[in-house]
């Protein structure tokens, strides 16, 4: 689900999240309800929920190093040893 959210983050393509039995915390539809849900969507009986995405930028020396889109959370880690870091969060 998270990979699909990243892949389609800048499109208008809706994503149907189906719980396949493991780690279903972001999924909406049980596998047993898949065909009923698809039929309901085809017939216009299902609503599409908009979800917020996090846009993350990693800066090094004031220069943009990497950018990511995230659906659930952002984890910043360098290794096993904890280090201090400077972070800024902006809501735009």
N, C-alpha and C. Protein backbone atom coordinates (compact mmCIF):
# COMPACT_ATOMS: atom_id res chain seq x y z
N UNK A 1 0.82 -1.19 0.00
CA UNK A 1 0.00 0.00 0.00
C UNK A 1 0.87 1.26 0.00
N UNK A 2 1.89 1.25 0.81
CA UNK A 2 2.76 2.42 0.89
C UNK A 2 3.50 2.66 -0.43
N UNK A 3 3.96 1.59 -1.06
CA UNK A 3 4.65 1.72 -2.34
C UNK A 3 3.70 2.23 -3.42
N UNK A 4 2.47 1.75 -3.42
CA UNK A 4 1.47 2.22 -4.40
C UNK A 4 1.16 3.70 -4.17
N UNK A 5 1.06 4.10 -2.93
CA UNK A 5 0.80 5.52 -2.63
C UNK A 5 1.92 6.41 -3.15
N UNK A 6 3.16 5.96 -2.99
CA UNK A 6 4.29 6.73 -3.51
C UNK A 6 4.26 6.77 -5.04
N UNK A 7 3.98 5.63 -5.66
CA UNK A 7 4.00 5.54 -7.12
C UNK A 7 2.93 6.43 -7.76
N UNK A 8 1.77 6.55 -7.14
CA UNK A 8 0.66 7.29 -7.71
C UNK A 8 0.40 8.62 -7.02
N UNK A 9 1.36 9.09 -6.22
CA UNK A 9 1.17 10.28 -5.39
C UNK A 9 0.77 11.52 -6.19
N UNK A 10 1.31 11.70 -7.35
CA UNK A 10 1.05 12.92 -8.12
C UNK A 10 0.07 12.69 -9.26
N UNK A 11 -0.76 11.68 -9.14
CA UNK A 11 -1.76 11.38 -10.17
C UNK A 11 -3.15 11.46 -9.55
N UNK A 12 -4.14 11.34 -10.37
CA UNK A 12 -5.52 11.32 -9.90
C UNK A 12 -6.07 9.89 -9.88
N UNK A 13 -5.18 8.88 -9.91
CA UNK A 13 -5.58 7.48 -9.95
C UNK A 13 -5.98 7.03 -8.53
N UNK A 14 -7.21 6.55 -8.36
CA UNK A 14 -7.61 6.05 -7.04
C UNK A 14 -6.96 4.70 -6.77
N UNK A 15 -6.68 4.42 -5.50
CA UNK A 15 -6.07 3.16 -5.09
C UNK A 15 -7.05 2.43 -4.19
N UNK A 16 -7.33 1.18 -4.51
CA UNK A 16 -8.18 0.35 -3.67
C UNK A 16 -7.27 -0.51 -2.80
N UNK A 17 -7.34 -0.32 -1.51
CA UNK A 17 -6.47 -1.07 -0.60
C UNK A 17 -7.22 -2.29 -0.08
N UNK A 18 -6.65 -3.46 -0.33
CA UNK A 18 -7.27 -4.73 0.04
C UNK A 18 -6.40 -5.43 1.07
N UNK A 19 -7.01 -5.84 2.18
CA UNK A 19 -6.29 -6.55 3.23
C UNK A 19 -6.13 -8.01 2.82
N UNK A 20 -4.89 -8.42 2.57
CA UNK A 20 -4.61 -9.79 2.15
C UNK A 20 -4.25 -10.70 3.32
N UNK A 21 -4.43 -10.20 4.54
CA UNK A 21 -4.25 -11.05 5.71
C UNK A 21 -3.10 -10.69 6.62
N UNK A 22 -2.24 -9.76 6.22
CA UNK A 22 -1.12 -9.38 7.07
C UNK A 22 -0.92 -7.88 6.98
N UNK A 23 -0.66 -7.25 8.10
CA UNK A 23 -0.38 -5.81 8.16
C UNK A 23 -1.44 -4.99 7.43
N UNK A 24 -2.67 -5.13 7.82
CA UNK A 24 -3.75 -4.44 7.14
C UNK A 24 -4.14 -3.11 7.73
N UNK A 25 -3.22 -2.42 8.41
CA UNK A 25 -3.57 -1.19 9.10
C UNK A 25 -3.93 -0.04 8.17
N UNK A 26 -3.53 -0.09 6.91
CA UNK A 26 -3.88 0.97 5.96
C UNK A 26 -4.91 0.50 4.93
N UNK A 27 -5.37 -0.70 5.05
CA UNK A 27 -6.28 -1.24 4.04
C UNK A 27 -7.74 -1.04 4.46
N UNK A 28 -8.59 -0.87 3.47
CA UNK A 28 -10.00 -0.59 3.71
C UNK A 28 -10.90 -1.81 3.49
N UNK A 29 -10.53 -2.69 2.57
CA UNK A 29 -11.42 -3.76 2.12
C UNK A 29 -10.84 -5.12 2.48
N UNK A 30 -11.68 -5.97 3.08
CA UNK A 30 -11.28 -7.36 3.32
C UNK A 30 -11.27 -8.11 1.99
N UNK A 31 -10.42 -9.11 1.87
CA UNK A 31 -10.32 -9.88 0.64
C UNK A 31 -11.66 -10.47 0.24
N UNK A 32 -12.43 -10.93 1.21
CA UNK A 32 -13.75 -11.51 0.94
C UNK A 32 -14.75 -10.50 0.37
N UNK A 33 -14.49 -9.21 0.55
CA UNK A 33 -15.39 -8.17 0.06
C UNK A 33 -14.89 -7.51 -1.22
N UNK A 34 -13.81 -8.03 -1.79
CA UNK A 34 -13.19 -7.39 -2.94
C UNK A 34 -14.15 -7.26 -4.12
N UNK A 35 -14.76 -8.34 -4.55
CA UNK A 35 -15.61 -8.29 -5.74
C UNK A 35 -16.87 -7.46 -5.52
N UNK A 36 -17.42 -7.52 -4.32
CA UNK A 36 -18.59 -6.69 -4.00
C UNK A 36 -18.21 -5.21 -4.04
N UNK A 37 -17.03 -4.90 -3.53
CA UNK A 37 -16.56 -3.51 -3.53
C UNK A 37 -16.30 -3.02 -4.96
N UNK A 38 -15.66 -3.85 -5.78
CA UNK A 38 -15.41 -3.47 -7.17
C UNK A 38 -16.70 -3.26 -7.93
N UNK A 39 -17.69 -4.11 -7.69
CA UNK A 39 -19.00 -3.94 -8.34
C UNK A 39 -19.66 -2.65 -7.88
N UNK A 40 -19.59 -2.36 -6.58
CA UNK A 40 -20.14 -1.12 -6.06
C UNK A 40 -19.46 0.10 -6.64
N UNK A 41 -18.14 0.05 -6.82
CA UNK A 41 -17.40 1.16 -7.43
C UNK A 41 -17.83 1.33 -8.88
N UNK A 42 -17.97 0.23 -9.61
CA UNK A 42 -18.38 0.29 -11.02
C UNK A 42 -19.78 0.90 -11.15
N UNK A 43 -20.63 0.64 -10.20
CA UNK A 43 -22.01 1.15 -10.22
C UNK A 43 -22.14 2.52 -9.57
N UNK A 44 -21.03 3.11 -9.14
CA UNK A 44 -21.06 4.45 -8.55
C UNK A 44 -21.57 4.50 -7.14
N UNK A 45 -21.53 3.38 -6.41
CA UNK A 45 -22.03 3.33 -5.04
C UNK A 45 -20.94 3.43 -3.99
N UNK A 46 -19.70 3.68 -4.39
CA UNK A 46 -18.60 3.77 -3.44
C UNK A 46 -18.01 5.18 -3.46
N UNK A 47 -17.66 5.66 -2.31
CA UNK A 47 -17.03 6.98 -2.21
C UNK A 47 -15.52 6.83 -2.26
N UNK A 48 -14.86 7.84 -2.79
CA UNK A 48 -13.41 7.87 -2.80
C UNK A 48 -12.96 8.85 -1.73
N UNK A 49 -12.17 8.35 -0.78
CA UNK A 49 -11.63 9.19 0.29
C UNK A 49 -10.30 9.78 -0.14
N UNK A 50 -10.12 11.05 0.12
CA UNK A 50 -8.83 11.69 -0.15
C UNK A 50 -7.96 11.54 1.09
N UNK A 51 -6.73 11.13 0.90
CA UNK A 51 -5.78 10.97 2.01
C UNK A 51 -4.67 12.00 1.87
N UNK A 52 -4.18 12.47 2.98
CA UNK A 52 -3.08 13.43 2.97
C UNK A 52 -1.76 12.69 2.81
N UNK A 53 -0.88 13.28 2.04
CA UNK A 53 0.47 12.75 1.87
C UNK A 53 1.47 13.70 2.51
N UNK A 54 2.56 13.16 2.97
CA UNK A 54 3.66 13.97 3.49
C UNK A 54 4.70 14.10 2.39
N UNK A 55 5.12 15.30 2.12
CA UNK A 55 6.23 15.52 1.19
C UNK A 55 7.47 15.76 2.03
N UNK A 56 8.49 14.96 1.80
CA UNK A 56 9.70 15.02 2.60
C UNK A 56 10.88 15.40 1.73
N UNK A 57 11.67 16.34 2.20
CA UNK A 57 12.89 16.73 1.51
C UNK A 57 14.07 16.56 2.45
N UNK A 58 15.12 15.92 1.98
CA UNK A 58 16.34 15.77 2.75
C UNK A 58 17.35 16.76 2.18
N UNK A 59 17.80 17.66 3.04
CA UNK A 59 18.75 18.70 2.62
C UNK A 59 20.12 18.39 3.22
N UNK A 60 21.16 18.61 2.45
CA UNK A 60 22.53 18.47 2.93
C UNK A 60 23.29 19.72 2.53
N UNK A 61 23.78 20.43 3.51
CA UNK A 61 24.52 21.65 3.24
C UNK A 61 23.69 22.69 2.51
N UNK A 62 22.39 22.75 2.79
CA UNK A 62 21.51 23.72 2.15
C UNK A 62 21.07 23.34 0.74
N UNK A 63 21.46 22.16 0.27
CA UNK A 63 21.10 21.70 -1.07
C UNK A 63 20.16 20.50 -0.96
N UNK A 64 19.16 20.48 -1.82
CA UNK A 64 18.22 19.36 -1.84
C UNK A 64 18.94 18.08 -2.25
N UNK A 65 18.90 17.08 -1.39
CA UNK A 65 19.58 15.81 -1.64
C UNK A 65 18.60 14.77 -2.17
N UNK A 66 17.45 14.59 -1.53
CA UNK A 66 16.43 13.61 -1.94
C UNK A 66 15.06 14.16 -1.59
N UNK A 67 14.04 13.67 -2.31
CA UNK A 67 12.64 14.00 -2.02
C UNK A 67 11.84 12.70 -1.97
N UNK A 68 10.86 12.66 -1.10
CA UNK A 68 10.01 11.49 -0.96
C UNK A 68 8.57 11.92 -0.71
N UNK A 69 7.64 11.08 -1.11
CA UNK A 69 6.23 11.22 -0.74
C UNK A 69 5.93 10.09 0.23
N UNK A 70 5.21 10.38 1.29
CA UNK A 70 4.92 9.37 2.30
C UNK A 70 3.44 9.41 2.66
N UNK A 71 2.84 8.24 2.84
CA UNK A 71 1.43 8.16 3.19
C UNK A 71 1.22 8.12 4.70
N UNK A 72 2.04 7.42 5.39
CA UNK A 72 1.79 7.17 6.81
C UNK A 72 2.77 7.88 7.73
N UNK A 73 4.03 7.73 7.47
CA UNK A 73 5.03 8.37 8.33
C UNK A 73 6.36 8.47 7.59
N UNK A 74 7.26 9.22 8.18
CA UNK A 74 8.60 9.38 7.64
C UNK A 74 9.58 8.95 8.72
N UNK A 75 10.52 8.10 8.37
CA UNK A 75 11.54 7.64 9.30
C UNK A 75 12.89 8.10 8.78
N UNK A 76 13.63 8.77 9.62
CA UNK A 76 14.97 9.21 9.26
C UNK A 76 15.95 8.48 10.15
N UNK A 77 16.81 7.67 9.53
CA UNK A 77 17.77 6.89 10.30
C UNK A 77 19.06 6.76 9.52
N UNK A 78 20.16 6.77 10.22
CA UNK A 78 21.45 6.60 9.58
C UNK A 78 22.11 5.30 10.00
N UNK A 79 21.81 4.83 11.16
CA UNK A 79 22.43 3.60 11.64
C UNK A 79 21.96 3.26 13.03
N UNK A 80 22.67 2.36 13.68
CA UNK A 80 22.28 1.88 14.99
C UNK A 80 22.55 2.89 16.10
N UNK A 81 23.50 3.79 15.90
CA UNK A 81 23.85 4.75 16.93
C UNK A 81 23.05 6.03 16.73
N UNK A 82 22.37 6.47 17.78
CA UNK A 82 21.56 7.69 17.71
C UNK A 82 22.46 8.92 17.65
N UNK A 83 22.06 9.88 16.84
CA UNK A 83 22.80 11.13 16.71
C UNK A 83 21.82 12.29 16.75
N UNK A 84 22.33 13.45 17.06
CA UNK A 84 21.51 14.66 17.05
C UNK A 84 21.25 15.08 15.60
N UNK A 85 20.13 15.71 15.37
CA UNK A 85 19.81 16.20 14.05
C UNK A 85 18.95 17.44 14.13
N UNK A 86 19.00 18.25 13.09
CA UNK A 86 18.16 19.44 13.00
C UNK A 86 17.04 19.15 12.00
N UNK A 87 15.80 19.36 12.42
CA UNK A 87 14.66 19.09 11.57
C UNK A 87 13.72 20.28 11.58
N UNK A 88 13.09 20.52 10.47
CA UNK A 88 12.03 21.53 10.44
C UNK A 88 10.82 20.91 9.76
N UNK A 89 9.67 21.25 10.28
CA UNK A 89 8.40 20.75 9.75
C UNK A 89 7.57 21.95 9.35
N UNK A 90 7.04 21.91 8.14
CA UNK A 90 6.21 23.02 7.66
C UNK A 90 4.93 22.46 7.08
N UNK A 91 3.84 23.13 7.37
CA UNK A 91 2.54 22.78 6.80
C UNK A 91 2.23 23.79 5.72
N UNK A 92 2.18 23.34 4.49
CA UNK A 92 1.92 24.25 3.35
C UNK A 92 0.72 23.80 2.57
